[in-house]
Amino acid sequence: MSYGYSQRIVRSNSLASPTLIGVDLGRICIRYEVPVIEVSEALGVSRQTVYNWFIGKCKPKAALHDAIEKLISKYVKAV
């Protein structure tokens, strides 16, 4: 289990469609142990919203896609 993420979130994320930007963000955050609060504050949404994206339950609004892509790039480059 990754730090800060329950086994349920990790499992649900691994089973969700990798074509969804929220699921992709979730995989990066789980892999690099990025706290969900950091993501939610950076994007101006609740932690629950971010968790829902991570598991593919809902999709981020199109207006957030650029900001999400920047976060993904930031986390991947930081490693």
C-alpha atoms as a PDB file:
ATOM      1  CA  MET A   1       0.000   0.000   0.000  1.00  0.00           C
ATOM      2  CA  SER A   2       1.294   3.450  -0.883  1.00  0.00           C
ATOM      3  CA  TYR A   3       1.709   6.046   1.831  1.00  0.00           C
ATOM      4  CA  GLY A   4      -1.507   7.940   2.434  1.00  0.00           C
ATOM      5  CA  TYR A   5      -3.664   5.864   0.109  1.00  0.00           C
ATOM      6  CA  SER A   6      -5.914   3.046   1.246  1.00  0.00           C
ATOM      7  CA  GLN A   7      -5.746  -0.349  -0.378  1.00  0.00           C
ATOM      8  CA  ARG A   8      -9.234   0.310  -1.748  1.00  0.00           C
ATOM      9  CA  ILE A   9      -8.099   3.477  -3.556  1.00  0.00           C
ATOM     10  CA  VAL A  10      -4.960   1.794  -4.895  1.00  0.00           C
ATOM     11  CA  ARG A  11      -6.953  -1.208  -6.140  1.00  0.00           C
ATOM     12  CA  SER A  12      -9.772   0.872  -7.619  1.00  0.00           C
ATOM     13  CA  ASN A  13      -7.244   3.077  -9.391  1.00  0.00           C
ATOM     14  CA  SER A  14      -5.448   0.075 -10.862  1.00  0.00           C
ATOM     15  CA  LEU A  15      -8.755  -1.257 -12.242  1.00  0.00           C
ATOM     16  CA  ALA A  16      -9.971   2.080 -13.658  1.00  0.00           C
ATOM     17  CA  SER A  17      -9.521   3.153 -17.268  1.00  0.00           C
ATOM     18  CA  PRO A  18      -6.021   4.547 -17.844  1.00  0.00           C
ATOM     19  CA  THR A  19      -7.408   6.834 -20.561  1.00  0.00           C
ATOM     20  CA  LEU A  20      -9.055   9.086 -17.969  1.00  0.00           C
ATOM     21  CA  ILE A  21      -6.903  12.038 -16.916  1.00  0.00           C
ATOM     22  CA  GLY A  22      -8.038  11.746 -13.280  1.00  0.00           C
ATOM     23  CA  VAL A  23      -7.049   8.081 -13.152  1.00  0.00           C
ATOM     24  CA  ASP A  24      -3.686   8.928 -14.717  1.00  0.00           C
ATOM     25  CA  LEU A  25      -3.155  11.632 -12.100  1.00  0.00           C
ATOM     26  CA  GLY A  26      -4.053   9.090  -9.423  1.00  0.00           C
ATOM     27  CA  ARG A  27      -1.490   6.592 -10.679  1.00  0.00           C
ATOM     28  CA  ILE A  28       1.223   9.232 -10.620  1.00  0.00           C
ATOM     29  CA  CYS A  29       0.244  10.396  -7.125  1.00  0.00           C
ATOM     30  CA  ILE A  30       0.130   6.856  -5.762  1.00  0.00           C
ATOM     31  CA  ARG A  31       3.448   5.919  -7.379  1.00  0.00           C
ATOM     32  CA  TYR A  32       5.284   9.031  -6.185  1.00  0.00           C
ATOM     33  CA  GLU A  33       3.430   9.295  -2.866  1.00  0.00           C
ATOM     34  CA  VAL A  34       1.980  12.739  -3.528  1.00  0.00           C
ATOM     35  CA  PRO A  35      -0.475  13.661  -0.755  1.00  0.00           C
ATOM     36  CA  VAL A  36      -4.050  14.073  -1.985  1.00  0.00           C
ATOM     37  CA  ILE A  37      -4.352  17.317  -0.004  1.00  0.00           C
ATOM     38  CA  GLU A  38      -1.533  18.786  -2.106  1.00  0.00           C
ATOM     39  CA  VAL A  39      -3.416  17.933  -5.298  1.00  0.00           C
ATOM     40  CA  SER A  40      -6.759  19.211  -4.016  1.00  0.00           C
ATOM     41  CA  GLU A  41      -5.279  22.516  -2.857  1.00  0.00           C
ATOM     42  CA  ALA A  42      -3.369  23.020  -6.116  1.00  0.00           C
ATOM     43  CA  LEU A  43      -6.555  22.485  -8.147  1.00  0.00           C
ATOM     44  CA  GLY A  44      -9.034  24.175  -5.799  1.00  0.00           C
ATOM     45  CA  VAL A  45     -11.221  21.118  -5.282  1.00  0.00           C
ATOM     46  CA  SER A  46     -12.033  18.871  -2.336  1.00  0.00           C
ATOM     47  CA  ARG A  47     -10.037  15.796  -1.398  1.00  0.00           C
ATOM     48  CA  GLN A  48     -13.114  13.660  -2.060  1.00  0.00           C
ATOM     49  CA  THR A  49     -13.320  15.042  -5.595  1.00  0.00           C
ATOM     50  CA  VAL A  50      -9.701  14.076  -6.205  1.00  0.00           C
ATOM     51  CA  TYR A  51     -10.300  10.567  -4.836  1.00  0.00           C
ATOM     52  CA  ASN A  52     -13.304  10.228  -7.153  1.00  0.00           C
ATOM     53  CA  TRP A  53     -11.095  11.154 -10.114  1.00  0.00           C
ATOM     54  CA  PHE A  54      -8.437   8.680  -9.015  1.00  0.00           C
ATOM     55  CA  ILE A  55     -10.886   5.774  -9.122  1.00  0.00           C
ATOM     56  CA  GLY A  56     -12.679   6.901 -12.284  1.00  0.00           C
ATOM     57  CA  LYS A  57     -15.950   7.582 -10.488  1.00  0.00           C
ATOM     58  CA  CYS A  58     -16.140  11.019 -12.084  1.00  0.00           C
ATOM     59  CA  LYS A  59     -14.073  13.114 -14.474  1.00  0.00           C
ATOM     60  CA  PRO A  60     -12.410  16.489 -13.897  1.00  0.00           C
ATOM     61  CA  LYS A  61     -13.993  19.450 -15.642  1.00  0.00           C
ATOM     62  CA  ALA A  62     -12.342  20.311 -18.948  1.00  0.00           C
ATOM     63  CA  ALA A  63     -11.238  23.664 -17.509  1.00  0.00           C
ATOM     64  CA  LEU A  64      -8.929  21.786 -15.104  1.00  0.00           C
ATOM     65  CA  HIS A  65      -7.228  19.550 -17.681  1.00  0.00           C
ATOM     66  CA  ASP A  66      -4.323  21.929 -18.348  1.00  0.00           C
ATOM     67  CA  ALA A  67      -3.661  22.364 -14.616  1.00  0.00           C
ATOM     68  CA  ILE A  68      -3.804  18.591 -14.123  1.00  0.00           C
ATOM     69  CA  GLU A  69      -1.351  18.011 -16.976  1.00  0.00           C
ATOM     70  CA  LYS A  70       1.035  20.523 -15.383  1.00  0.00           C
ATOM     71  CA  LEU A  71       0.783  18.723 -12.036  1.00  0.00           C
ATOM     72  CA  ILE A  72       1.467  15.367 -13.681  1.00  0.00           C
ATOM     73  CA  SER A  73       4.544  16.802 -15.389  1.00  0.00           C
ATOM     74  CA  LYS A  74       5.715  18.394 -12.144  1.00  0.00           C
ATOM     75  CA  TYR A  75       5.453  15.162 -10.170  1.00  0.00           C
ATOM     76  CA  VAL A  76       7.092  13.012 -12.831  1.00  0.00           C
ATOM     77  CA  LYS A  77       9.975  15.470 -13.349  1.00  0.00           C
ATOM     78  CA  ALA A  78      10.564  15.805  -9.601  1.00  0.00           C
ATOM     79  CA  VAL A  79      11.666  12.185  -9.369  1.00  0.00           C
END
